[in-house]
N, C-alpha and C. Protein backbone atom coordinates (compact mmCIF):
# COMPACT_ATOMS: atom_id res chain seq x y z
N MET A 1 1.02 -1.35 59.62
CA MET A 1 2.56 -1.60 59.14
C MET A 1 3.45 -0.40 59.90
N ALA A 2 4.43 -0.24 60.14
CA ALA A 2 5.23 0.86 59.72
C ALA A 2 6.50 0.48 58.90
N THR A 3 6.58 1.61 58.11
CA THR A 3 8.51 1.59 57.58
C THR A 3 8.66 2.38 57.71
N SER A 4 10.71 2.69 57.70
CA SER A 4 11.29 2.84 58.56
C SER A 4 11.74 4.17 57.59
N GLN A 5 11.59 5.39 57.74
CA GLN A 5 12.84 6.01 56.25
C GLN A 5 13.51 7.26 57.48
N GLY A 6 14.98 6.84 57.83
CA GLY A 6 15.75 7.81 58.35
C GLY A 6 15.54 6.87 60.06
N ASP A 7 15.68 7.65 60.51
CA ASP A 7 15.10 7.57 61.95
C ASP A 7 14.14 8.10 62.28
N SER A 8 12.49 8.51 61.03
CA SER A 8 11.20 8.11 61.87
C SER A 8 11.07 6.89 61.47
N LEU A 9 9.62 6.55 61.84
CA LEU A 9 8.76 5.60 61.26
C LEU A 9 7.54 6.31 60.47
N THR A 10 7.10 5.98 59.80
CA THR A 10 6.09 6.24 59.22
C THR A 10 5.14 5.59 58.87
N ALA A 11 3.39 5.14 59.08
CA ALA A 11 2.70 4.42 58.62
C ALA A 11 1.82 4.50 56.78
N PRO A 12 1.90 3.59 56.37
CA PRO A 12 1.99 3.72 55.23
C PRO A 12 0.96 4.70 54.93
N ILE A 13 0.56 5.37 53.52
CA ILE A 13 -0.73 6.15 53.54
C ILE A 13 -1.76 5.18 52.96
N GLU A 14 -2.92 5.69 53.86
CA GLU A 14 -3.99 5.47 53.07
C GLU A 14 -5.63 5.97 52.27
N TYR A 15 -5.90 5.77 51.56
CA TYR A 15 -6.96 6.33 50.73
C TYR A 15 -7.90 6.69 52.05
N PRO A 16 -7.66 8.35 51.30
CA PRO A 16 -8.91 8.64 53.20
C PRO A 16 -10.07 9.12 52.85
N ASP A 17 -10.71 8.34 51.77
CA ASP A 17 -12.06 8.54 51.47
C ASP A 17 -12.71 6.80 51.04
N PRO A 18 -13.69 6.24 51.73
CA PRO A 18 -14.31 4.87 51.34
C PRO A 18 -14.24 4.52 49.81
N VAL A 19 -13.73 3.44 49.79
CA VAL A 19 -14.12 2.75 48.09
C VAL A 19 -14.44 1.56 47.62
N ARG A 20 -14.98 1.64 47.17
CA ARG A 20 -16.05 0.13 46.40
C ARG A 20 -15.32 -0.65 46.87
N HIS A 21 -15.35 -1.64 47.56
CA HIS A 21 -14.51 -2.67 46.97
C HIS A 21 -14.54 -3.12 45.13
N GLU A 22 -15.37 -3.33 44.44
CA GLU A 22 -15.34 -3.72 43.22
C GLU A 22 -14.00 -2.15 42.32
N TRP A 23 -14.24 -1.15 42.87
CA TRP A 23 -12.91 -0.09 42.50
C TRP A 23 -12.18 -0.64 43.03
N ARG A 24 -11.75 -1.08 43.92
CA ARG A 24 -10.10 -1.45 44.45
C ARG A 24 -10.07 -2.07 43.53
N MET A 25 -10.83 -3.48 43.40
CA MET A 25 -10.57 -5.07 42.22
C MET A 25 -10.38 -4.03 40.53
N MET A 26 -11.14 -3.41 40.36
CA MET A 26 -10.67 -2.86 39.04
C MET A 26 -9.44 -2.35 38.80
N ALA A 27 -9.34 -1.15 39.75
CA ALA A 27 -7.47 -0.23 40.09
C ALA A 27 -6.61 -1.45 39.72
N GLU A 28 -6.51 -2.28 41.17
CA GLU A 28 -5.67 -3.01 40.89
C GLU A 28 -5.35 -4.54 39.45
N LEU A 29 -6.32 -4.71 38.58
CA LEU A 29 -5.91 -5.20 37.84
C LEU A 29 -6.03 -4.17 36.39
N ARG A 30 -5.95 -3.27 36.34
CA ARG A 30 -5.71 -1.86 35.77
C ARG A 30 -4.13 -2.04 36.00
N LEU A 31 -4.04 -1.65 37.01
CA LEU A 31 -2.58 -1.93 37.60
C LEU A 31 -1.23 -2.68 37.10
N ARG A 32 -2.34 -4.03 37.39
CA ARG A 32 -1.43 -5.50 36.86
C ARG A 32 -0.96 -6.02 35.25
N MET A 33 -2.30 -5.64 34.82
CA MET A 33 -2.43 -5.70 33.10
C MET A 33 -2.58 -4.03 32.47
N PRO A 34 -1.96 -3.40 31.82
CA PRO A 34 -2.69 -1.91 31.83
C PRO A 34 -3.56 -2.37 29.85
N ASP A 35 -2.61 -3.35 30.21
CA ASP A 35 -3.54 -3.64 28.51
C ASP A 35 -4.94 -4.24 28.63
N VAL A 36 -5.11 -4.72 29.62
CA VAL A 36 -6.69 -5.29 29.57
C VAL A 36 -7.78 -3.97 29.52
N SER A 37 -8.72 -4.96 28.70
CA SER A 37 -10.25 -4.20 28.42
C SER A 37 -10.76 -4.29 29.14
N THR A 38 -11.71 -3.10 28.66
CA THR A 38 -12.94 -3.18 29.40
C THR A 38 -13.82 -4.27 29.85
N ARG A 39 -13.36 -5.09 28.71
CA ARG A 39 -14.76 -6.35 29.12
C ARG A 39 -14.25 -7.39 29.78
N GLU A 40 -13.04 -7.15 29.50
CA GLU A 40 -12.63 -8.18 30.11
C GLU A 40 -12.45 -8.23 31.74
N ILE A 41 -12.31 -6.74 32.01
CA ILE A 41 -12.70 -6.44 33.19
C ILE A 41 -14.11 -6.57 33.87
N GLY A 42 -14.90 -6.16 33.64
CA GLY A 42 -16.66 -6.46 33.61
C GLY A 42 -16.73 -8.06 33.59
N LYS A 43 -15.97 -8.77 32.94
CA LYS A 43 -16.35 -10.08 32.98
C LYS A 43 -15.71 -10.35 33.92
N ALA A 44 -14.30 -10.24 34.67
CA ALA A 44 -13.75 -10.65 35.53
C ALA A 44 -14.32 -10.47 37.06
N LEU A 45 -15.28 -8.75 36.78
CA LEU A 45 -15.64 -8.46 38.31
C LEU A 45 -17.31 -8.82 38.03
N GLY A 46 -17.30 -9.40 37.52
CA GLY A 46 -18.98 -9.89 37.43
C GLY A 46 -20.01 -8.43 36.74
N TYR A 47 -19.12 -7.84 36.10
CA TYR A 47 -20.20 -6.30 35.73
C TYR A 47 -20.43 -6.18 34.77
N GLY A 48 -21.25 -5.81 33.85
CA GLY A 48 -21.64 -5.43 32.10
C GLY A 48 -20.28 -4.64 32.82
N TYR A 49 -20.36 -4.74 30.59
CA TYR A 49 -19.05 -3.17 30.01
C TYR A 49 -19.72 -1.72 30.27
N HIS A 50 -20.38 -1.58 30.43
CA HIS A 50 -21.22 -0.20 30.20
C HIS A 50 -21.18 0.07 31.27
N THR A 51 -21.40 -0.55 33.01
CA THR A 51 -20.97 -0.82 34.18
C THR A 51 -19.44 -0.34 34.05
N ILE A 52 -18.76 -1.17 33.40
CA ILE A 52 -17.40 -0.91 34.18
C ILE A 52 -16.94 1.23 33.70
N ARG A 53 -17.28 1.30 32.21
CA ARG A 53 -17.24 2.62 32.26
C ARG A 53 -18.04 3.55 32.75
N ALA A 54 -18.74 3.21 32.69
CA ALA A 54 -18.95 4.33 33.54
C ALA A 54 -18.42 4.89 35.02
N TRP A 55 -17.65 3.26 36.04
CA TRP A 55 -16.73 3.50 37.56
C TRP A 55 -15.48 4.23 36.35
N SER A 56 -15.13 3.83 35.57
CA SER A 56 -13.97 4.03 35.10
C SER A 56 -13.79 5.65 34.27
N ARG A 57 -15.07 6.31 34.03
CA ARG A 57 -15.17 8.02 33.48
C ARG A 57 -16.14 8.39 35.67
N ASP A 58 -16.20 7.73 36.27
CA ASP A 58 -16.47 8.42 37.42
C ASP A 58 -14.96 9.17 38.22
N PRO A 59 -15.49 10.89 38.60
CA PRO A 59 -14.33 11.34 39.36
C PRO A 59 -13.18 10.65 40.59
N ARG A 60 -14.63 10.18 40.61
CA ARG A 60 -13.95 9.35 42.12
C ARG A 60 -13.01 8.51 42.08
N TYR A 61 -13.19 7.35 41.42
CA TYR A 61 -12.47 6.65 40.76
C TYR A 61 -11.50 6.91 40.18
N GLN A 62 -11.52 7.85 39.54
CA GLN A 62 -10.20 8.32 38.66
C GLN A 62 -9.31 8.54 39.57
N ARG A 63 -9.51 9.54 40.85
CA ARG A 63 -8.92 10.05 41.57
C ARG A 63 -8.01 8.53 42.63
N TYR A 64 -9.46 7.47 42.90
CA TYR A 64 -8.25 6.91 43.38
C TYR A 64 -7.46 5.76 42.67
N GLU A 65 -7.75 5.79 41.32
CA GLU A 65 -6.82 4.75 40.57
C GLU A 65 -5.56 5.33 40.80
N ASN A 66 -5.60 7.24 40.24
CA ASN A 66 -4.59 7.97 40.45
C ASN A 66 -3.42 7.55 41.79
N PHE A 67 -4.40 7.90 42.86
CA PHE A 67 -3.54 7.07 43.97
C PHE A 67 -3.05 6.12 44.34
N VAL A 68 -3.36 5.32 43.19
CA VAL A 68 -2.93 3.88 43.62
C VAL A 68 -1.86 3.51 42.46
N ILE A 69 -2.25 4.37 41.60
CA ILE A 69 -0.96 4.16 40.19
C ILE A 69 0.55 5.19 41.00
N ARG A 70 0.47 6.19 41.85
CA ARG A 70 1.35 6.98 42.64
C ARG A 70 1.74 6.26 44.08
N LYS A 71 0.59 5.49 44.46
CA LYS A 71 1.37 4.52 45.60
C LYS A 71 2.41 3.99 45.31
N THR A 72 2.13 3.22 44.30
CA THR A 72 2.76 1.77 43.43
C THR A 72 4.07 2.34 43.53
N MET A 73 4.24 3.44 42.30
CA MET A 73 5.02 4.32 41.20
C MET A 73 6.39 3.92 42.90
N ASP A 74 5.90 4.85 44.13
CA ASP A 74 6.51 5.25 45.03
C ASP A 74 7.22 4.31 45.61
N ASP A 75 6.71 2.73 45.27
CA ASP A 75 7.74 1.90 45.74
C ASP A 75 8.66 1.17 44.95
N ILE A 76 8.52 1.82 43.87
CA ILE A 76 9.38 1.49 43.08
C ILE A 76 10.79 2.06 42.84
N PRO A 77 12.14 1.31 42.98
CA PRO A 77 13.60 1.62 43.33
C PRO A 77 14.04 2.76 41.83
N PRO A 78 14.25 4.24 42.44
CA PRO A 78 14.84 4.94 41.32
C PRO A 78 15.33 4.79 40.70
N SER A 79 15.83 3.63 40.58
CA SER A 79 16.78 3.43 38.93
C SER A 79 15.40 2.15 38.60
N SER A 80 14.62 1.56 38.59
CA SER A 80 12.96 0.98 37.42
C SER A 80 12.17 2.18 37.22
N ARG A 81 12.17 3.51 37.63
CA ARG A 81 11.03 4.48 36.79
C ARG A 81 11.64 4.56 35.72
N PRO A 82 9.76 4.78 35.59
CA PRO A 82 10.16 5.79 33.71
C PRO A 82 10.67 6.82 34.09
N GLU A 83 11.86 7.56 33.02
CA GLU A 83 12.85 8.76 33.48
C GLU A 83 11.57 10.11 32.38
N LYS A 84 11.00 9.82 32.00
CA LYS A 84 9.50 10.85 31.33
C LYS A 84 8.58 10.48 32.01
N THR A 85 7.38 11.45 32.26
CA THR A 85 6.20 10.70 31.56
C THR A 85 6.08 11.11 30.31
N VAL A 86 4.52 10.89 30.17
CA VAL A 86 4.32 10.66 28.35
C VAL A 86 3.51 12.42 28.34
N GLY A 87 3.71 13.18 29.55
CA GLY A 87 3.04 14.34 29.45
C GLY A 87 4.50 15.02 29.00
N GLN A 88 5.68 14.54 29.38
CA GLN A 88 6.70 15.45 29.44
C GLN A 88 7.31 15.26 28.06
N VAL A 89 7.27 13.38 27.37
CA VAL A 89 7.21 13.82 26.28
C VAL A 89 6.65 14.16 25.45
N PHE A 90 5.56 14.63 25.46
CA PHE A 90 4.44 14.92 24.56
C PHE A 90 4.77 16.35 23.92
N SER A 91 5.84 17.16 25.09
CA SER A 91 5.26 19.01 25.37
C SER A 91 7.23 18.64 24.99
N GLU A 92 7.50 18.01 25.07
CA GLU A 92 8.89 18.23 24.01
C GLU A 92 8.72 18.53 22.82
N TYR A 93 7.60 17.88 22.21
CA TYR A 93 7.80 18.25 20.23
C TYR A 93 6.27 18.92 20.36
N GLU A 94 5.67 19.52 21.24
CA GLU A 94 4.39 20.32 21.31
C GLU A 94 4.69 21.38 19.61
N VAL A 95 6.36 21.91 19.65
CA VAL A 95 6.17 23.13 19.60
C VAL A 95 6.31 22.27 17.69
N GLU A 96 7.30 21.46 18.06
CA GLU A 96 7.11 20.71 16.46
C GLU A 96 5.91 19.92 15.91
N MET A 97 5.47 19.64 16.98
CA MET A 97 4.26 19.27 15.91
C MET A 97 3.17 20.38 15.35
N ALA A 98 3.34 20.99 16.75
CA ALA A 98 2.14 22.54 15.16
C ALA A 98 2.89 22.63 14.44
N GLN A 99 3.62 23.22 14.32
CA GLN A 99 4.62 23.75 13.00
C GLN A 99 4.66 22.74 11.87
N ARG A 100 4.25 21.49 12.24
CA ARG A 100 4.03 20.18 11.25
C ARG A 100 2.91 20.73 10.93
N LEU A 101 1.65 21.09 11.62
CA LEU A 101 0.27 20.64 11.25
C LEU A 101 0.23 21.30 10.36
N VAL A 102 0.66 23.30 10.68
CA VAL A 102 0.98 24.95 10.40
C VAL A 102 1.31 24.43 8.77
N ASP A 103 2.59 23.70 8.39
CA ASP A 103 3.47 23.33 7.05
C ASP A 103 2.35 22.51 6.66
N ILE A 104 2.05 21.12 6.48
CA ILE A 104 0.23 20.84 5.92
C ILE A 104 -0.62 21.23 5.47
N CYS A 105 -1.12 22.61 6.51
CA CYS A 105 -2.27 23.22 6.14
C CYS A 105 -1.75 24.44 4.61
N GLU A 106 -0.56 25.25 5.31
CA GLU A 106 -0.36 25.43 3.53
C GLU A 106 -0.02 25.17 2.61
N SER A 107 0.72 23.58 2.68
CA SER A 107 0.28 23.78 1.17
C SER A 107 0.07 22.18 0.91
N THR A 108 -1.49 21.39 1.72
CA THR A 108 -2.09 21.01 0.68
C THR A 108 -3.18 21.49 0.12
N SER A 109 -3.34 20.32 -0.62
CA SER A 109 -3.91 21.80 -1.86
C SER A 109 -5.48 20.81 -1.98
N ASP A 110 -6.10 20.05 -0.41
CA ASP A 110 -7.01 19.74 0.01
C ASP A 110 -7.55 20.41 1.09
N GLU A 111 -8.85 21.30 0.38
CA GLU A 111 -9.25 22.12 1.36
C GLU A 111 -10.14 21.98 2.49
N LYS A 112 -11.09 20.24 2.60
CA LYS A 112 -11.42 20.32 3.18
C LYS A 112 -10.38 19.37 4.92
N LEU A 113 -9.47 18.83 4.39
CA LEU A 113 -8.08 18.58 5.15
C LEU A 113 -7.30 20.50 5.72
N ALA A 114 -7.69 21.08 4.96
CA ALA A 114 -6.80 22.52 5.45
C ALA A 114 -7.55 22.70 6.57
N ALA A 115 -9.09 22.56 6.23
CA ALA A 115 -9.67 23.54 7.25
C ALA A 115 -9.57 22.86 8.35
N GLU A 116 -10.08 21.36 8.20
CA GLU A 116 -10.04 20.69 9.94
C GLU A 116 -8.59 21.02 10.38
N ILE A 117 -7.71 21.72 9.38
CA ILE A 117 -6.14 21.09 10.54
C ILE A 117 -6.56 22.74 11.46
N ALA A 118 -6.95 24.09 10.22
CA ALA A 118 -6.99 25.11 10.94
C ALA A 118 -7.81 24.86 12.56
N GLN A 119 -8.53 24.57 12.20
CA GLN A 119 -10.15 24.52 13.57
C GLN A 119 -9.04 24.24 14.06
N ASP A 120 -8.78 23.14 14.08
CA ASP A 120 -7.92 21.77 16.08
C ASP A 120 -6.99 22.81 15.85
N ILE A 121 -5.90 23.48 15.24
CA ILE A 121 -4.98 23.97 15.68
C ILE A 121 -5.62 25.35 16.41
N LEU A 122 -6.60 26.10 16.03
CA LEU A 122 -7.21 27.01 17.03
C LEU A 122 -8.17 26.51 18.16
N ASP A 123 -8.80 25.56 17.96
CA ASP A 123 -8.99 25.10 19.02
C ASP A 123 -8.06 24.54 20.74
N ARG A 124 -7.12 23.80 20.43
CA ARG A 124 -6.13 24.07 20.90
C ARG A 124 -5.16 24.80 21.63
N SER A 125 -5.81 25.93 20.72
CA SER A 125 -4.83 27.04 20.36
C SER A 125 -5.79 27.77 22.16
N GLY A 126 -6.99 27.20 22.06
CA GLY A 126 -7.54 28.36 23.30
C GLY A 126 -9.10 29.16 22.54
N HIS A 127 -9.25 29.12 20.98
CA HIS A 127 -10.10 29.73 20.78
C HIS A 127 -11.30 29.09 19.84
N ALA A 128 -11.73 28.30 21.00
CA ALA A 128 -12.76 27.09 20.44
C ALA A 128 -13.44 28.10 20.41
N PRO A 129 -14.75 27.54 19.66
CA PRO A 129 -16.22 28.64 19.64
C PRO A 129 -16.92 28.01 21.01
N LYS A 130 -17.16 29.61 21.61
CA LYS A 130 -18.08 30.00 22.64
C LYS A 130 -19.07 28.55 23.62
N HIS A 131 -19.46 28.80 22.06
CA HIS A 131 -21.56 27.90 22.17
C HIS A 131 -21.18 27.43 20.95
N ARG A 132 -21.60 25.65 21.09
CA ARG A 132 -21.84 24.93 19.83
C ARG A 132 -22.95 24.61 19.48
N ASP A 133 -23.57 24.54 18.48
CA ASP A 133 -25.23 25.07 18.17
C ASP A 133 -25.32 22.85 18.51
N ASN A 134 -26.42 22.48 19.13
CA ASN A 134 -26.55 21.46 19.53
C ASN A 134 -27.71 20.57 18.64
N VAL A 135 -26.83 20.05 17.96
CA VAL A 135 -28.08 19.54 16.95
C VAL A 135 -28.86 18.31 17.21
N ARG A 136 -28.71 17.47 18.10
CA ARG A 136 -29.61 16.63 18.08
C ARG A 136 -30.88 17.30 18.29
N PRO A 137 -31.59 16.31 17.75
CA PRO A 137 -33.43 16.66 18.31
C PRO A 137 -33.75 16.54 19.58
N ILE A 138 -34.64 16.97 19.98
CA ILE A 138 -35.35 16.34 21.24
C ILE A 138 -36.50 15.79 21.65
N VAL A 139 -36.55 14.67 21.52
CA VAL A 139 -38.09 14.31 21.63
C VAL A 139 -39.16 14.38 23.40
N ILE A 140 -39.97 14.56 23.09
CA ILE A 140 -41.00 14.90 24.28
C ILE A 140 -42.54 14.40 24.17
N ASN A 141 -42.38 13.34 24.80
CA ASN A 141 -43.47 12.69 24.46
C ASN A 141 -44.35 13.28 25.89
N LEU A 142 -45.53 13.78 25.32
CA LEU A 142 -46.75 14.24 26.05
C LEU A 142 -48.05 13.45 26.12
N GLY A 143 -48.46 13.43 27.39
CA GLY A 143 -49.69 12.55 27.09
C GLY A 143 -51.00 13.38 27.60
N ASN A 144 -52.52 12.87 27.29
CA ASN A 144 -53.36 13.52 26.92
C ASN A 144 -54.07 14.45 27.60
N ASP A 145 -53.73 14.10 29.08
CA ASP A 145 -53.85 14.76 30.17
C ASP A 145 -52.81 16.28 29.59
N VAL A 146 -52.22 16.09 29.23
CA VAL A 146 -51.52 17.39 29.41
C VAL A 146 -51.30 18.34 28.82
N LEU A 147 -51.59 17.34 27.23
CA LEU A 147 -52.41 17.97 26.00
C LEU A 147 -53.47 19.11 26.31
N GLN A 148 -54.33 18.44 27.17
CA GLN A 148 -55.73 19.37 27.32
C GLN A 148 -55.14 20.11 28.35
N MET A 149 -54.63 20.19 29.24
CA MET A 149 -54.02 21.14 30.05
C MET A 149 -53.13 22.21 29.31
N PHE A 150 -52.83 21.99 28.42
CA PHE A 150 -52.26 22.87 27.30
C PHE A 150 -53.43 23.77 26.28
N GLN A 151 -54.41 22.89 26.25
CA GLN A 151 -55.26 23.69 25.17
C GLN A 151 -55.72 24.68 26.03
N ARG A 152 -56.66 24.09 27.11
CA ARG A 152 -57.00 24.69 28.52
C ARG A 152 -56.80 26.45 28.49
N ARG A 153 -55.23 25.56 28.56
CA ARG A 153 -54.64 27.26 29.34
C ARG A 153 -54.25 28.49 27.82
N ALA A 154 -54.59 27.69 27.47
CA ALA A 154 -54.46 28.80 25.53
C ALA A 154 -55.39 29.26 26.01
N LEU A 155 -56.68 28.80 25.66
CA LEU A 155 -58.14 29.27 25.67
C LEU A 155 -58.12 30.34 26.30
N GLU A 156 -58.20 30.13 28.30
CA GLU A 156 -58.34 30.66 28.89
C GLU A 156 -57.01 32.19 28.66
N ALA A 157 -55.76 32.03 28.05
CA ALA A 157 -55.25 32.93 27.70
C ALA A 157 -55.21 34.23 26.63
N GLY A 158 -56.30 33.15 25.70
CA GLY A 158 -56.76 34.09 24.18
C GLY A 158 -56.11 33.96 23.51
N LEU A 159 -54.66 32.88 23.65
CA LEU A 159 -54.35 32.65 21.88
C LEU A 159 -55.13 31.38 21.27
N VAL A 160 -56.20 31.04 21.57
CA VAL A 160 -57.56 30.25 20.52
C VAL A 160 -58.59 30.37 20.89
N LEU A 161 -58.49 30.68 19.81
CA LEU A 161 -60.63 31.45 19.49
C LEU A 161 -61.37 30.25 18.51
N ASP A 162 -61.96 29.86 19.02
CA ASP A 162 -62.72 29.14 18.12
C ASP A 162 -62.35 27.77 17.06
N GLY A 163 -60.90 27.60 18.13
CA GLY A 163 -59.88 26.22 17.56
C GLY A 163 -59.31 26.88 17.24
N HIS A 164 -58.78 27.80 16.29
CA HIS A 164 -58.23 28.63 16.04
C HIS A 164 -57.18 29.24 16.53
N THR A 165 -55.72 29.43 16.24
CA THR A 165 -54.30 30.06 16.52
C THR A 165 -54.62 31.90 16.20
N VAL A 166 -54.62 32.29 17.72
CA VAL A 166 -54.28 34.00 17.59
C VAL A 166 -53.09 34.11 16.41
N GLU A 167 -53.28 34.84 15.65
CA GLU A 167 -52.26 35.06 15.40
C GLU A 167 -51.47 36.65 15.46
N GLU A 168 -50.43 36.78 15.85
CA GLU A 168 -49.77 37.73 17.14
C GLU A 168 -49.52 39.01 15.80
N GLY A 169 -50.29 40.15 16.05
CA GLY A 169 -50.17 41.38 15.76
C GLY A 169 -51.84 41.39 15.46
N ALA A 170 -52.89 40.40 15.14
CA ALA A 170 -53.68 40.12 13.93
C ALA A 170 -54.93 41.28 15.03
């Protein structure tokens, strides 16, 4: 269906990539009811909570949802559109909020709170640590055949003699 804008006729803009039917329904639900929960969307579509969350985090779905929202906002008359986006409102107060954090950090007697605020300020200003140590343990389950192969290779390499590990420098 073509719409007229002045003298020219333009076709409605369609999303350029194929989109799952479920994603279309999910985006439509979120557009019509922004406060709908992930569980409710899952129930309505017949999928589990975790599936809906995974779809929501998929960048391809996020691009599609943003397209749907922008397209809908273009159809709203200018007088009904929001005056500012959330990002614009936040950016107006960012310097004031940063100063408040610094004031709290300087005036608090709670050292833990001061350290958390200072770390947050540094992180947000681009001074976050480059690498954080991963504290999650890694569990590796090895079968008997793999263990025997390791033992055989250790013997071949001379790392094990008569069932005892050879110490480095010995």
